[in-house]
Amino acid sequence: ESACEAAWSVSPDLLAGFPDGQVQTWLASLKEPPLHAGLLGFKGGAKVVMRCSLLFKDRLDTWDTASLAMGGHLPRDRILLRDVHSIEIIRGGFVLNSKGRKVR
């Protein structure tokens, strides 16, 4: 099944380092399928840190690594989409403005 045929899509960078089909099998096993799975860069001070991120209909969940996510650990961060009041497009990315905080 291709990413276009699935209910969700996966970025190729998330698949790197895992045996063929392992990430897709894990995503298919979730009670709620994500709309998209991939790596997103989060700005922490002067550095950008890549995190495994799953976009659902109502939220964005992130983990430090895909292994933590696949291992059943709770997300490092959860951004409820109802709390996002604006999105700023910036060079090379975007900023989510969410209830008193900015997520870059």
Protein backbone atom coordinates (compact mmCIF):
# COMPACT_ATOMS: atom_id res chain seq x y z
CA GLU A 1 0.00 0.00 0.00
CA SER A 2 1.48 3.35 -0.98
CA ALA A 3 1.33 6.46 1.19
CA CYS A 4 -1.28 7.86 -1.20
CA GLU A 5 -3.53 4.83 -0.68
CA ALA A 6 -3.18 4.83 3.11
CA ALA A 7 -5.32 6.95 5.40
CA TRP A 8 -2.05 8.55 6.52
CA SER A 9 1.26 9.47 4.99
CA VAL A 10 4.82 8.98 6.24
CA SER A 11 7.83 11.12 5.42
CA PRO A 12 10.85 9.12 4.17
CA ASP A 13 13.12 10.62 6.85
CA LEU A 14 11.05 8.91 9.55
CA LEU A 15 11.56 5.51 7.89
CA ALA A 16 15.37 5.76 7.88
CA GLY A 17 17.06 3.32 10.22
CA PHE A 18 14.12 0.95 10.61
CA PRO A 19 13.53 -2.38 8.85
CA ASP A 20 11.17 -2.23 5.87
CA GLY A 21 7.56 -1.97 6.96
CA GLN A 22 8.22 -1.58 10.70
CA VAL A 23 7.07 2.05 10.92
CA GLN A 24 4.04 1.44 8.70
CA THR A 25 3.04 -1.62 10.76
CA TRP A 26 3.29 0.42 13.96
CA LEU A 27 1.25 3.29 12.49
CA ALA A 28 -1.41 0.88 11.25
CA SER A 29 -1.67 -0.63 14.75
CA LEU A 30 -2.54 2.67 16.43
CA LYS A 31 -6.11 3.01 17.71
CA GLU A 32 -6.33 6.39 16.00
CA PRO A 33 -4.48 6.65 12.69
CA PRO A 34 -2.46 9.84 12.23
CA LEU A 35 -2.99 12.03 9.18
CA HIS A 36 0.78 12.36 8.76
CA ALA A 37 3.91 11.05 10.46
CA GLY A 38 7.37 12.52 10.08
CA LEU A 39 10.21 14.48 11.57
CA LEU A 40 9.70 18.14 12.47
CA GLY A 41 12.37 20.55 13.59
CA PHE A 42 11.67 22.34 16.88
CA LYS A 43 13.68 25.38 17.84
CA GLY A 44 15.21 25.14 21.29
CA GLY A 45 17.37 28.19 21.90
CA ALA A 46 19.79 28.55 18.99
CA LYS A 47 19.46 24.91 17.90
CA VAL A 48 16.83 23.07 15.91
CA VAL A 49 16.04 19.62 17.28
CA MET A 50 14.34 17.02 15.07
CA ARG A 51 11.47 15.16 16.72
CA CYS A 52 9.22 12.33 15.63
CA SER A 53 5.82 13.94 15.10
CA LEU A 54 2.36 12.55 14.46
CA LEU A 55 -0.40 14.85 13.23
CA PHE A 56 -3.89 13.75 14.23
CA LYS A 57 -7.23 15.42 13.50
CA ASP A 58 -7.17 17.21 16.84
CA ARG A 59 -3.50 17.40 17.91
CA LEU A 60 0.19 17.18 17.13
CA ASP A 61 2.13 14.71 19.31
CA THR A 62 5.94 14.72 19.40
CA TRP A 63 8.67 12.45 20.79
CA ASP A 64 12.44 12.88 20.93
CA THR A 65 12.87 9.78 18.74
CA ALA A 66 10.73 7.44 16.65
CA SER A 67 11.92 4.57 18.86
CA LEU A 68 10.35 6.22 21.91
CA ALA A 69 7.08 6.73 20.04
CA MET A 70 7.04 3.16 18.75
CA GLY A 71 7.93 1.89 22.24
CA GLY A 72 4.68 3.23 23.66
CA HIS A 73 6.13 6.17 25.60
CA LEU A 74 3.96 9.20 26.24
CA PRO A 75 4.60 12.12 23.90
CA ARG A 76 7.19 14.69 24.96
CA ASP A 77 4.76 17.37 23.88
CA ARG A 78 1.15 17.53 22.75
CA ILE A 79 -0.26 20.55 20.97
CA LEU A 80 -4.04 20.59 20.79
CA LEU A 81 -5.10 22.09 17.47
CA ARG A 82 -8.04 23.86 19.11
CA ASP A 83 -5.47 25.85 21.13
CA VAL A 84 -3.60 27.05 18.01
CA HIS A 85 -4.87 30.54 17.25
CA SER A 86 -2.50 31.41 14.40
CA ILE A 87 0.30 30.13 12.22
CA GLU A 88 3.14 32.34 10.99
CA ILE A 89 5.05 31.25 7.91
CA ILE A 90 8.72 32.09 8.31
CA ARG A 91 11.76 31.38 6.21
CA GLY A 92 12.32 27.64 6.28
CA GLY A 93 9.33 26.78 8.46
CA PHE A 94 6.43 28.01 10.53
CA VAL A 95 5.52 29.12 14.04
CA LEU A 96 2.42 27.84 15.83
CA ASN A 97 0.98 30.41 18.24
CA SER A 98 -0.82 28.44 20.90
CA LYS A 99 -2.33 29.68 24.18
CA GLY A 100 0.45 31.85 25.47
CA ARG A 101 3.37 30.05 23.81
CA LYS A 102 5.03 29.90 20.43
CA VAL A 103 6.16 26.58 18.98
CA ARG A 104 8.82 26.93 16.28
